[in-house]
Amino acid sequence: MEGTVFTPALEGMKHIKSEDGVILTKPFLDVCKQILPIIDKFGAAMTLVKSDIGGNITRLENKYLSNPTQYNHLYSMVQEEVEAKTAKGSSSCTNGLLWLTRAMDFLMGLFRNILEHQDWSMSQVCSDSYGKTLKKWHGWLASSSFTVAMKLAPDRKKFMDVIGGTGDINSDIEKFCTTFSPFLEENHKFLASVGMDDLKAS
């Protein structure tokens, strides 16, 4: 393939914000979707993360598709649920956005660890990022499932070869993290402003 596995996402990120600086639903979800093939390359270690991210993207996308004009802005569906007092429900879009953002935080941490700790094994890379991001929000069960899954992480060199393609993979990972992280921070700020950023897993 041309470029690296990150190329489509790097391209997609240029369209996430509207001209007036608002995060748009579809372009944001599309970039999250473009990360799924990268998670695939982790094999069994990331099955949980992938199904979690995929499920939350689908939930938000279905809501968006029910009325693309109304839900063109990512936060519009959350605002609606907050007003209707349904935001805390486990199947709400608010919950979907919160967990999608957290899972993406975990991946950002993981990608940064790949760059910053060249000597770490992939399971070390995963476990460290998990400890810093998702762990505090997970109950005991989710946490233990994750810890077991991380041990199945692939060999680092094989993984890097698979995701590298023809581009400069380290530079693309750096670009992806730098460009995508501010969107995630914005999501957290918005969710915090409506009192929804600190919900824990049931």
N, C-alpha and C. Protein backbone atom coordinates (compact mmCIF):
# COMPACT_ATOMS: atom_id res chain seq x y z
N MET A 1 0.84 -1.20 0.00
CA MET A 1 0.00 0.00 0.00
C MET A 1 0.87 1.25 0.00
N GLU A 2 0.31 2.32 -0.51
CA GLU A 2 1.05 3.58 -0.50
C GLU A 2 1.04 4.14 0.91
N GLY A 3 2.15 4.67 1.36
CA GLY A 3 2.20 5.24 2.70
C GLY A 3 2.10 4.15 3.75
N THR A 4 1.68 4.54 4.95
CA THR A 4 1.57 3.58 6.07
C THR A 4 0.09 3.35 6.38
N VAL A 5 -0.18 2.50 7.35
CA VAL A 5 -1.58 2.28 7.75
C VAL A 5 -2.22 3.55 8.30
N PHE A 6 -1.38 4.53 8.66
CA PHE A 6 -1.93 5.77 9.22
C PHE A 6 -2.34 6.78 8.15
N THR A 7 -1.91 6.54 6.91
CA THR A 7 -2.15 7.54 5.85
C THR A 7 -3.62 7.95 5.73
N PRO A 8 -4.58 7.00 5.65
CA PRO A 8 -5.99 7.42 5.52
C PRO A 8 -6.46 8.28 6.69
N ALA A 9 -6.03 7.92 7.90
CA ALA A 9 -6.45 8.69 9.08
C ALA A 9 -5.85 10.09 9.06
N LEU A 10 -4.59 10.18 8.64
CA LEU A 10 -3.94 11.51 8.58
C LEU A 10 -4.66 12.40 7.60
N GLU A 11 -5.09 11.81 6.50
CA GLU A 11 -5.84 12.55 5.48
C GLU A 11 -7.21 12.97 6.05
N GLY A 12 -7.86 12.02 6.71
CA GLY A 12 -9.21 12.24 7.24
C GLY A 12 -9.27 13.33 8.30
N MET A 13 -8.18 13.47 9.06
CA MET A 13 -8.19 14.43 10.17
C MET A 13 -8.30 15.87 9.69
N LYS A 14 -7.94 16.11 8.44
CA LYS A 14 -8.03 17.48 7.92
C LYS A 14 -9.47 17.96 7.85
N HIS A 15 -10.42 17.01 7.89
CA HIS A 15 -11.83 17.37 7.68
C HIS A 15 -12.67 17.29 8.96
N ILE A 16 -12.01 16.99 10.10
CA ILE A 16 -12.78 16.77 11.34
C ILE A 16 -13.51 18.04 11.79
N LYS A 17 -12.88 19.19 11.60
CA LYS A 17 -13.51 20.42 12.10
C LYS A 17 -14.18 21.22 10.98
N SER A 18 -15.31 21.83 11.34
CA SER A 18 -15.99 22.70 10.38
C SER A 18 -15.20 24.00 10.28
N GLU A 19 -15.59 24.86 9.36
CA GLU A 19 -14.87 26.12 9.20
C GLU A 19 -14.90 26.96 10.47
N ASP A 20 -15.98 26.81 11.24
CA ASP A 20 -16.03 27.60 12.47
C ASP A 20 -15.49 26.81 13.68
N GLY A 21 -14.72 25.77 13.40
CA GLY A 21 -13.98 25.11 14.47
C GLY A 21 -14.76 24.11 15.31
N VAL A 22 -15.86 23.59 14.76
CA VAL A 22 -16.66 22.61 15.53
C VAL A 22 -16.31 21.20 15.04
N ILE A 23 -16.23 20.24 15.96
CA ILE A 23 -15.95 18.86 15.56
C ILE A 23 -17.19 18.28 14.89
N LEU A 24 -17.00 17.75 13.68
CA LEU A 24 -18.12 17.19 12.90
C LEU A 24 -18.22 15.70 13.16
N THR A 25 -19.44 15.22 13.25
CA THR A 25 -19.66 13.82 13.64
C THR A 25 -19.04 12.83 12.67
N LYS A 26 -19.41 12.93 11.40
CA LYS A 26 -19.00 11.88 10.46
C LYS A 26 -17.47 11.84 10.27
N PRO A 27 -16.82 12.98 10.00
CA PRO A 27 -15.36 12.91 9.82
C PRO A 27 -14.63 12.40 11.06
N PHE A 28 -15.13 12.75 12.25
CA PHE A 28 -14.49 12.25 13.48
C PHE A 28 -14.63 10.73 13.57
N LEU A 29 -15.84 10.22 13.33
CA LEU A 29 -16.06 8.77 13.40
C LEU A 29 -15.28 8.05 12.31
N ASP A 30 -15.18 8.68 11.14
CA ASP A 30 -14.44 8.05 10.03
C ASP A 30 -12.97 7.84 10.40
N VAL A 31 -12.38 8.85 11.06
CA VAL A 31 -10.97 8.70 11.46
C VAL A 31 -10.84 7.58 12.50
N CYS A 32 -11.79 7.53 13.44
CA CYS A 32 -11.75 6.43 14.43
C CYS A 32 -11.84 5.08 13.72
N LYS A 33 -12.68 5.03 12.69
CA LYS A 33 -12.82 3.77 11.92
C LYS A 33 -11.52 3.40 11.22
N GLN A 34 -10.80 4.43 10.76
CA GLN A 34 -9.56 4.16 10.02
C GLN A 34 -8.46 3.62 10.93
N ILE A 35 -8.70 3.68 12.23
CA ILE A 35 -7.73 3.12 13.17
C ILE A 35 -7.99 1.63 13.40
N LEU A 36 -9.21 1.18 13.09
CA LEU A 36 -9.54 -0.24 13.34
C LEU A 36 -8.61 -1.22 12.63
N PRO A 37 -8.25 -0.98 11.34
CA PRO A 37 -7.33 -1.93 10.69
C PRO A 37 -5.97 -2.01 11.40
N ILE A 38 -5.58 -0.92 12.05
CA ILE A 38 -4.30 -0.93 12.78
C ILE A 38 -4.45 -1.81 14.02
N ILE A 39 -5.60 -1.69 14.70
CA ILE A 39 -5.84 -2.51 15.89
C ILE A 39 -5.89 -3.98 15.51
N ASP A 40 -6.42 -4.26 14.31
CA ASP A 40 -6.47 -5.64 13.81
C ASP A 40 -5.10 -6.30 13.83
N LYS A 41 -4.08 -5.51 13.53
CA LYS A 41 -2.73 -6.07 13.40
C LYS A 41 -2.18 -6.54 14.75
N PHE A 42 -2.85 -6.14 15.83
CA PHE A 42 -2.42 -6.62 17.15
C PHE A 42 -2.92 -8.03 17.41
N GLY A 43 -3.86 -8.49 16.57
CA GLY A 43 -4.41 -9.82 16.78
C GLY A 43 -5.23 -9.89 18.07
N ALA A 44 -5.13 -11.04 18.75
CA ALA A 44 -5.99 -11.33 19.91
C ALA A 44 -5.85 -10.33 21.04
N ALA A 45 -4.69 -9.68 21.15
CA ALA A 45 -4.46 -8.75 22.28
C ALA A 45 -5.47 -7.61 22.27
N MET A 46 -5.97 -7.27 21.08
CA MET A 46 -6.82 -6.08 21.00
C MET A 46 -8.27 -6.40 20.64
N THR A 47 -8.67 -7.66 20.72
CA THR A 47 -10.04 -8.02 20.35
C THR A 47 -11.05 -7.21 21.15
N LEU A 48 -10.80 -7.09 22.46
CA LEU A 48 -11.73 -6.35 23.33
C LEU A 48 -11.81 -4.88 22.93
N VAL A 49 -10.65 -4.29 22.71
CA VAL A 49 -10.60 -2.87 22.36
C VAL A 49 -11.32 -2.64 21.04
N LYS A 50 -11.04 -3.55 20.10
CA LYS A 50 -11.62 -3.36 18.78
C LYS A 50 -13.15 -3.46 18.82
N SER A 51 -13.67 -4.44 19.55
CA SER A 51 -15.13 -4.57 19.56
C SER A 51 -15.77 -3.40 20.32
N ASP A 52 -15.06 -2.91 21.33
CA ASP A 52 -15.53 -1.76 22.10
C ASP A 52 -15.59 -0.51 21.21
N ILE A 53 -14.49 -0.24 20.52
CA ILE A 53 -14.44 0.94 19.65
C ILE A 53 -15.47 0.81 18.52
N GLY A 54 -15.49 -0.37 17.90
CA GLY A 54 -16.42 -0.61 16.79
C GLY A 54 -17.87 -0.41 17.22
N GLY A 55 -18.21 -0.92 18.41
CA GLY A 55 -19.57 -0.81 18.93
C GLY A 55 -19.97 0.64 19.19
N ASN A 56 -19.03 1.39 19.74
CA ASN A 56 -19.33 2.80 20.05
C ASN A 56 -19.42 3.64 18.78
N ILE A 57 -18.59 3.33 17.80
CA ILE A 57 -18.68 4.05 16.52
C ILE A 57 -20.05 3.78 15.90
N THR A 58 -20.47 2.51 15.89
CA THR A 58 -21.76 2.14 15.30
C THR A 58 -22.91 2.85 16.01
N ARG A 59 -22.86 2.89 17.33
CA ARG A 59 -23.92 3.55 18.10
C ARG A 59 -24.04 5.02 17.71
N LEU A 60 -22.90 5.71 17.65
CA LEU A 60 -22.92 7.14 17.32
C LEU A 60 -23.30 7.36 15.85
N GLU A 61 -22.82 6.45 15.01
CA GLU A 61 -23.10 6.59 13.58
C GLU A 61 -24.59 6.38 13.28
N ASN A 62 -25.19 5.42 13.95
CA ASN A 62 -26.62 5.16 13.75
C ASN A 62 -27.45 6.38 14.14
N LYS A 63 -27.06 7.00 15.23
CA LYS A 63 -27.76 8.20 15.69
C LYS A 63 -27.58 9.31 14.65
N TYR A 64 -26.36 9.46 14.19
CA TYR A 64 -26.07 10.50 13.18
C TYR A 64 -26.91 10.26 11.92
N LEU A 65 -26.94 9.00 11.46
CA LEU A 65 -27.65 8.67 10.22
C LEU A 65 -29.16 8.87 10.35
N SER A 66 -29.65 8.83 11.61
CA SER A 66 -31.09 9.02 11.79
C SER A 66 -31.50 10.46 11.45
N ASN A 67 -30.53 11.38 11.53
CA ASN A 67 -30.80 12.77 11.15
C ASN A 67 -29.48 13.53 10.98
N PRO A 68 -28.83 13.34 9.80
CA PRO A 68 -27.49 13.91 9.59
C PRO A 68 -27.43 15.42 9.78
N THR A 69 -28.52 16.14 9.48
CA THR A 69 -28.48 17.59 9.64
C THR A 69 -28.46 17.95 11.12
N GLN A 70 -29.35 17.31 11.85
CA GLN A 70 -29.47 17.60 13.28
C GLN A 70 -28.20 17.21 14.06
N TYR A 71 -27.59 16.08 13.64
CA TYR A 71 -26.45 15.56 14.40
C TYR A 71 -25.13 15.77 13.67
N ASN A 72 -25.07 16.80 12.84
CA ASN A 72 -23.86 17.08 12.08
C ASN A 72 -22.69 17.39 13.01
N HIS A 73 -22.98 18.07 14.13
CA HIS A 73 -21.94 18.38 15.11
C HIS A 73 -21.91 17.27 16.15
N LEU A 74 -20.71 16.79 16.45
CA LEU A 74 -20.54 15.62 17.31
C LEU A 74 -21.24 15.78 18.67
N TYR A 75 -21.20 16.99 19.23
CA TYR A 75 -21.73 17.14 20.59
C TYR A 75 -23.24 17.34 20.64
N SER A 76 -23.86 17.52 19.46
CA SER A 76 -25.30 17.80 19.47
C SER A 76 -26.10 16.64 20.07
N MET A 77 -25.66 15.40 19.81
CA MET A 77 -26.41 14.26 20.35
C MET A 77 -26.24 14.15 21.87
N VAL A 78 -25.07 14.57 22.35
CA VAL A 78 -24.85 14.55 23.80
C VAL A 78 -25.72 15.62 24.47
N GLN A 79 -25.71 16.81 23.88
CA GLN A 79 -26.52 17.90 24.47
C GLN A 79 -27.99 17.50 24.57
N GLU A 80 -28.47 16.86 23.51
CA GLU A 80 -29.86 16.42 23.49
C GLU A 80 -30.13 15.44 24.63
N GLU A 81 -29.20 14.48 24.82
CA GLU A 81 -29.39 13.47 25.88
C GLU A 81 -29.27 14.10 27.28
N VAL A 82 -28.37 15.07 27.41
CA VAL A 82 -28.21 15.73 28.72
C VAL A 82 -29.51 16.44 29.08
N GLU A 83 -30.08 17.14 28.08
CA GLU A 83 -31.35 17.84 28.33
C GLU A 83 -32.48 16.87 28.66
N ALA A 84 -32.47 15.72 27.97
CA ALA A 84 -33.53 14.72 28.19
C ALA A 84 -33.25 13.85 29.42
N LYS A 85 -32.08 14.09 30.05
CA LYS A 85 -31.63 13.31 31.22
C LYS A 85 -31.48 11.81 30.92
N THR A 86 -31.07 11.50 29.66
CA THR A 86 -30.83 10.09 29.32
C THR A 86 -29.34 9.84 29.10
N ALA A 87 -28.51 10.87 29.32
CA ALA A 87 -27.08 10.78 28.98
C ALA A 87 -26.34 9.70 29.76
N LYS A 88 -26.80 9.43 31.01
CA LYS A 88 -26.06 8.47 31.84
C LYS A 88 -26.41 7.03 31.53
N GLY A 89 -27.41 6.80 30.69
CA GLY A 89 -27.80 5.43 30.36
C GLY A 89 -26.66 4.69 29.68
N SER A 90 -26.56 3.38 29.93
CA SER A 90 -25.41 2.65 29.39
C SER A 90 -25.44 2.58 27.86
N SER A 91 -26.63 2.76 27.26
CA SER A 91 -26.65 2.67 25.79
C SER A 91 -26.76 4.05 25.14
N SER A 92 -26.48 5.11 25.93
CA SER A 92 -26.60 6.46 25.37
C SER A 92 -25.43 6.78 24.44
N CYS A 93 -25.63 7.76 23.57
CA CYS A 93 -24.55 8.22 22.70
C CYS A 93 -23.47 8.92 23.52
N THR A 94 -23.90 9.55 24.62
CA THR A 94 -22.93 10.21 25.50
C THR A 94 -21.94 9.18 26.02
N ASN A 95 -22.48 8.07 26.50
CA ASN A 95 -21.65 6.98 26.99
C ASN A 95 -20.75 6.44 25.86
N GLY A 96 -21.35 6.34 24.67
CA GLY A 96 -20.59 5.87 23.50
C GLY A 96 -19.42 6.77 23.19
N LEU A 97 -19.67 8.09 23.21
CA LEU A 97 -18.60 9.04 22.91
C LEU A 97 -17.52 9.01 24.00
N LEU A 98 -17.96 8.90 25.25
CA LEU A 98 -17.02 8.87 26.37
C LEU A 98 -16.07 7.68 26.24
N TRP A 99 -16.62 6.49 26.00
CA TRP A 99 -15.77 5.30 25.93
C TRP A 99 -14.96 5.24 24.64
N LEU A 100 -15.51 5.81 23.58
CA LEU A 100 -14.74 5.87 22.32
C LEU A 100 -13.52 6.76 22.54
N THR A 101 -13.75 7.89 23.21
CA THR A 101 -12.65 8.83 23.48
C THR A 101 -11.60 8.18 24.40
N ARG A 102 -12.07 7.46 25.42
CA ARG A 102 -11.12 6.79 26.33
C ARG A 102 -10.31 5.72 25.61
N ALA A 103 -10.98 4.96 24.75
CA ALA A 103 -10.25 3.90 24.02
C ALA A 103 -9.22 4.54 23.10
N MET A 104 -9.56 5.67 22.52
CA MET A 104 -8.61 6.38 21.66
C MET A 104 -7.45 6.94 22.49
N ASP A 105 -7.73 7.39 23.72
CA ASP A 105 -6.65 7.84 24.62
C ASP A 105 -5.66 6.69 24.84
N PHE A 106 -6.23 5.52 25.06
CA PHE A 106 -5.40 4.33 25.28
C PHE A 106 -4.51 4.08 24.07
N LEU A 107 -5.09 4.18 22.87
CA LEU A 107 -4.30 3.95 21.65
C LEU A 107 -3.23 5.03 21.46
N MET A 108 -3.58 6.28 21.80
CA MET A 108 -2.58 7.36 21.71
C MET A 108 -1.39 7.04 22.61
N GLY A 109 -1.69 6.60 23.84
CA GLY A 109 -0.63 6.27 24.79
C GLY A 109 0.22 5.13 24.25
N LEU A 110 -0.45 4.17 23.66
CA LEU A 110 0.23 3.00 23.11
C LEU A 110 1.15 3.41 21.96
N PHE A 111 0.62 4.25 21.04
CA PHE A 111 1.44 4.69 19.90
C PHE A 111 2.63 5.53 20.37
N ARG A 112 2.38 6.37 21.38
CA ARG A 112 3.49 7.19 21.90
C ARG A 112 4.56 6.31 22.54
N ASN A 113 4.12 5.28 23.26
CA ASN A 113 5.09 4.36 23.88
C ASN A 113 5.95 3.67 22.82
N ILE A 114 5.32 3.34 21.69
CA ILE A 114 6.08 2.69 20.60
C ILE A 114 7.23 3.61 20.16
N LEU A 115 6.92 4.90 20.08
CA LEU A 115 7.94 5.86 19.64
C LEU A 115 8.98 6.12 20.72
N GLU A 116 8.51 6.27 21.95
CA GLU A 116 9.42 6.74 23.01
C GLU A 116 10.20 5.63 23.69
N HIS A 117 9.72 4.39 23.59
CA HIS A 117 10.40 3.28 24.28
C HIS A 117 10.72 2.18 23.27
N GLN A 118 11.72 2.45 22.47
CA GLN A 118 12.07 1.52 21.38
C GLN A 118 12.46 0.13 21.93
N ASP A 119 12.88 0.09 23.20
CA ASP A 119 13.36 -1.19 23.74
C ASP A 119 12.26 -2.01 24.42
N TRP A 120 11.03 -1.44 24.50
CA TRP A 120 9.95 -2.16 25.18
C TRP A 120 9.33 -3.22 24.27
N SER A 121 8.87 -4.32 24.90
CA SER A 121 8.09 -5.30 24.13
C SER A 121 6.70 -4.74 23.92
N MET A 122 5.96 -5.31 22.97
CA MET A 122 4.63 -4.80 22.70
C MET A 122 3.70 -4.96 23.90
N SER A 123 3.87 -6.06 24.67
CA SER A 123 2.95 -6.20 25.81
C SER A 123 3.26 -5.15 26.88
N GLN A 124 4.52 -4.75 26.98
CA GLN A 124 4.90 -3.66 27.89
C GLN A 124 4.29 -2.33 27.42
N VAL A 125 4.39 -2.11 26.11
CA VAL A 125 3.83 -0.90 25.49
C VAL A 125 2.33 -0.80 25.80
N CYS A 126 1.62 -1.92 25.63
CA CYS A 126 0.17 -1.96 25.85
C CYS A 126 -0.18 -1.79 27.32
N SER A 127 0.51 -2.54 28.18
CA SER A 127 0.17 -2.53 29.61
C SER A 127 0.41 -1.17 30.23
N ASP A 128 1.50 -0.52 29.84
CA ASP A 128 1.81 0.79 30.39
C ASP A 128 0.71 1.79 30.02
N SER A 129 0.31 1.77 28.76
CA SER A 129 -0.72 2.71 28.31
C SER A 129 -2.05 2.40 28.98
N TYR A 130 -2.35 1.12 29.12
CA TYR A 130 -3.61 0.72 29.78
C TYR A 130 -3.64 1.27 31.21
N GLY A 131 -2.52 1.10 31.92
CA GLY A 131 -2.42 1.57 33.30
C GLY A 131 -2.65 3.07 33.42
N LYS A 132 -2.22 3.81 32.39
CA LYS A 132 -2.33 5.28 32.45
C LYS A 132 -3.67 5.80 31.94
N THR A 133 -4.42 4.98 31.22
CA THR A 133 -5.64 5.51 30.61
C THR A 133 -6.89 4.77 31.07
N LEU A 134 -7.14 3.58 30.55
CA LEU A 134 -8.43 2.91 30.78
C LEU A 134 -8.59 2.28 32.17
N LYS A 135 -7.47 1.88 32.76
CA LYS A 135 -7.54 1.05 33.96
C LYS A 135 -8.42 1.67 35.06
N LYS A 136 -8.24 2.97 35.31
CA LYS A 136 -8.97 3.57 36.44
C LYS A 136 -10.48 3.60 36.21
N TRP A 137 -10.90 3.44 34.95
CA TRP A 137 -12.34 3.49 34.66
C TRP A 137 -12.96 2.11 34.62
N HIS A 138 -12.12 1.08 34.59
CA HIS A 138 -12.63 -0.29 34.44
C HIS A 138 -12.87 -0.94 35.80
N GLY A 139 -13.89 -1.76 35.86
CA GLY A 139 -14.10 -2.57 37.06
C GLY A 139 -13.09 -3.72 37.06
N TRP A 140 -13.14 -4.53 38.08
CA TRP A 140 -12.18 -5.62 38.24
C TRP A 140 -12.21 -6.58 37.05
N LEU A 141 -13.42 -6.91 36.61
CA LEU A 141 -13.56 -7.91 35.55
C LEU A 141 -12.92 -7.44 34.24
N ALA A 142 -13.29 -6.22 33.82
CA ALA A 142 -12.73 -5.69 32.57
C ALA A 142 -11.23 -5.57 32.70
N SER A 143 -10.79 -5.13 33.86
CA SER A 143 -9.37 -4.92 34.09
C SER A 143 -8.59 -6.23 33.98
N SER A 144 -9.14 -7.29 34.57
CA SER A 144 -8.39 -8.56 34.50
C SER A 144 -8.42 -9.14 33.09
N SER A 145 -9.54 -8.95 32.37
CA SER A 145 -9.59 -9.44 30.98
C SER A 145 -8.54 -8.72 30.14
N PHE A 146 -8.41 -7.41 30.37
CA PHE A 146 -7.44 -6.63 29.62
C PHE A 146 -6.02 -7.07 29.90
N THR A 147 -5.74 -7.27 31.19
CA THR A 147 -4.39 -7.64 31.59
C THR A 147 -3.98 -8.95 30.93
N VAL A 148 -4.91 -9.88 30.86
CA VAL A 148 -4.63 -11.17 30.20
C VAL A 148 -4.40 -10.94 28.70
N ALA A 149 -5.29 -10.13 28.09
CA ALA A 149 -5.20 -9.89 26.64
C ALA A 149 -3.87 -9.26 26.24
N MET A 150 -3.38 -8.33 27.06
CA MET A 150 -2.13 -7.62 26.72
C MET A 150 -0.95 -8.56 26.56
N LYS A 151 -1.03 -9.70 27.25
CA LYS A 151 0.08 -10.67 27.17
C LYS A 151 0.14 -11.32 25.79
N LEU A 152 -0.95 -11.16 25.00
CA LEU A 152 -0.98 -11.78 23.67
C LEU A 152 -0.48 -10.83 22.58
N ALA A 153 0.07 -9.70 23.00
CA ALA A 153 0.52 -8.71 22.01
C ALA A 153 1.58 -9.31 21.09
N PRO A 154 1.57 -8.90 19.81
CA PRO A 154 2.49 -9.50 18.83
C PRO A 154 3.94 -9.06 19.05
N ASP A 155 4.83 -9.73 18.36
CA ASP A 155 6.23 -9.36 18.38
C ASP A 155 6.37 -7.95 17.80
N ARG A 156 7.15 -7.13 18.46
CA ARG A 156 7.24 -5.72 18.07
C ARG A 156 7.72 -5.51 16.63
N LYS A 157 8.79 -6.22 16.28
CA LYS A 157 9.34 -5.99 14.94
C LYS A 157 8.34 -6.40 13.86
N LYS A 158 7.71 -7.55 14.07
CA LYS A 158 6.70 -8.02 13.09
C LYS A 158 5.59 -6.99 12.95
N PHE A 159 5.14 -6.48 14.09
CA PHE A 159 4.05 -5.50 14.08
C PHE A 159 4.45 -4.26 13.29
N MET A 160 5.64 -3.74 13.55
CA MET A 160 6.10 -2.52 12.88
C MET A 160 6.24 -2.75 11.38
N ASP A 161 6.70 -3.94 11.01
CA ASP A 161 6.83 -4.25 9.58
C ASP A 161 5.47 -4.26 8.90
N VAL A 162 4.49 -4.85 9.59
CA VAL A 162 3.15 -4.96 9.02
C VAL A 162 2.49 -3.58 8.85
N ILE A 163 2.66 -2.70 9.84
CA ILE A 163 1.97 -1.42 9.73
C ILE A 163 2.76 -0.37 8.94
N GLY A 164 4.03 -0.68 8.65
CA GLY A 164 4.89 0.33 8.03
C GLY A 164 4.56 0.70 6.60
N GLY A 165 4.13 -0.28 5.78
CA GLY A 165 3.86 0.02 4.37
C GLY A 165 5.09 0.62 3.71
N THR A 166 4.88 1.64 2.88
CA THR A 166 6.01 2.22 2.16
C THR A 166 6.43 3.56 2.75
N GLY A 167 5.74 3.98 3.83
CA GLY A 167 6.02 5.31 4.36
C GLY A 167 6.95 5.28 5.56
N ASP A 168 7.13 6.44 6.17
CA ASP A 168 7.94 6.56 7.38
C ASP A 168 7.00 6.39 8.57
N ILE A 169 6.96 5.18 9.12
CA ILE A 169 5.96 4.84 10.12
C ILE A 169 6.11 5.69 11.39
N ASN A 170 7.35 5.90 11.85
CA ASN A 170 7.52 6.68 13.09
C ASN A 170 7.03 8.10 12.93
N SER A 171 7.32 8.68 11.78
CA SER A 171 6.88 10.05 11.53
C SER A 171 5.35 10.11 11.45
N ASP A 172 4.73 9.10 10.85
CA ASP A 172 3.26 9.07 10.74
C ASP A 172 2.59 8.87 12.10
N ILE A 173 3.19 8.02 12.94
CA ILE A 173 2.63 7.81 14.29
C ILE A 173 2.70 9.13 15.06
N GLU A 174 3.84 9.79 14.96
CA GLU A 174 4.03 11.08 15.65
C GLU A 174 2.98 12.08 15.17
N LYS A 175 2.82 12.17 13.86
CA LYS A 175 1.85 13.12 13.27
C LYS A 175 0.44 12.79 13.73
N PHE A 176 0.12 11.51 13.73
CA PHE A 176 -1.23 11.08 14.11
C PHE A 176 -1.50 11.48 15.56
N CYS A 177 -0.58 11.16 16.46
CA CYS A 177 -0.79 11.46 17.89
C CYS A 177 -0.90 12.96 18.12
N THR A 178 -0.03 13.71 17.48
CA THR A 178 -0.02 15.17 17.68
C THR A 178 -1.30 15.81 17.17
N THR A 179 -1.79 15.31 16.03
CA THR A 179 -2.96 15.94 15.43
C THR A 179 -4.27 15.47 16.06
N PHE A 180 -4.32 14.19 16.46
CA PHE A 180 -5.58 13.63 16.94
C PHE A 180 -5.82 13.91 18.43
N SER A 181 -4.75 13.98 19.21
CA SER A 181 -4.90 14.18 20.66
C SER A 181 -5.73 15.41 21.04
N PRO A 182 -5.54 16.58 20.37
CA PRO A 182 -6.36 17.75 20.74
C PRO A 182 -7.87 17.51 20.56
N PHE A 183 -8.26 16.70 19.59
CA PHE A 183 -9.70 16.40 19.42
C PHE A 183 -10.20 15.63 20.63
N LEU A 184 -9.38 14.71 21.12
CA LEU A 184 -9.77 13.90 22.28
C LEU A 184 -9.86 14.79 23.53
N GLU A 185 -8.89 15.72 23.65
CA GLU A 185 -8.92 16.64 24.80
C GLU A 185 -10.20 17.48 24.76
N GLU A 186 -10.55 17.89 23.56
CA GLU A 186 -11.77 18.70 23.40
C GLU A 186 -13.01 17.88 23.81
N ASN A 187 -13.03 16.61 23.42
CA ASN A 187 -14.14 15.73 23.83
C ASN A 187 -14.24 15.66 25.36
N HIS A 188 -13.09 15.46 26.01
CA HIS A 188 -13.09 15.37 27.48
C HIS A 188 -13.59 16.67 28.10
N LYS A 189 -13.11 17.78 27.58
CA LYS A 189 -13.53 19.08 28.13
C LYS A 189 -15.03 19.26 27.99
N PHE A 190 -15.53 18.91 26.82
CA PHE A 190 -16.97 19.05 26.59
C PHE A 190 -17.74 18.11 27.53
N LEU A 191 -17.32 16.86 27.60
CA LEU A 191 -18.02 15.89 28.47
C LEU A 191 -17.95 16.33 29.93
N ALA A 192 -16.82 16.90 30.32
CA ALA A 192 -16.67 17.38 31.70
C ALA A 192 -17.64 18.55 31.94
N SER A 193 -17.83 19.39 30.91
CA SER A 193 -18.68 20.56 31.08
C SER A 193 -20.15 20.16 31.31
N VAL A 194 -20.51 18.97 30.87
CA VAL A 194 -21.90 18.50 31.12
C VAL A 194 -21.91 17.42 32.22
N GLY A 195 -20.78 17.31 32.93
CA GLY A 195 -20.71 16.39 34.08
C GLY A 195 -20.67 14.92 33.70
N MET A 196 -20.14 14.63 32.49
CA MET A 196 -20.18 13.23 32.03
C MET A 196 -18.80 12.62 31.79
N ASP A 197 -17.75 13.30 32.25
CA ASP A 197 -16.41 12.78 31.90
C ASP A 197 -15.87 11.75 32.87
N ASP A 198 -16.55 11.58 34.02
CA ASP A 198 -15.95 10.67 35.00
C ASP A 198 -16.81 9.45 35.32
N LEU A 199 -17.67 9.07 34.36
CA LEU A 199 -18.48 7.86 34.58
C LEU A 199 -17.59 6.63 34.54
N LYS A 200 -17.84 5.70 35.44
CA LYS A 200 -17.07 4.46 35.44
C LYS A 200 -17.85 3.36 34.76
N ALA A 201 -17.13 2.30 34.41
CA ALA A 201 -17.81 1.14 33.80
C ALA A 201 -18.64 0.48 34.88
N SER A 202 -19.77 -0.09 34.46
CA SER A 202 -20.61 -0.74 35.47
C SER A 202 -19.96 -2.05 35.89
